[in-house]
Amino acid sequence: MSLGSDDQLAIWLNGQEVLRENEVRALTPGQSHAELKLKAGKNQLLVKVGNIAGDWAFYVLPEFPASWPASVRSPTRKATSRRPWNGPAS
């Protein structure tokens, strides 16, 4: 999974912490990567962004192995043209 955040970032998958970064930075897609071990059925992904000052944002994009069929990988690739969500509208 490709990740980015403005500022701090923590990720949990099914209740287990898989990534924690205590950074002060602007959002850039692909700042971090995490390998997620999914279980069969539903999985719960929790993203926490810690804001130091100013705006906050995060970026999450699933990345699948090239060996997987294109029909599985392609639906998420369409999401790369979308702008990152920058929080609720004021």
Foldseek 3Di string as FASTA:
>chain_A
DKKWKQAWKWKDKQNHTFDTDHGHDDTDIRPDDTDDDDDPDDMDMDMDYDHDDDWIFMDDADDDDPPDDCVVGVVRVVVVVDDTDGDDDD
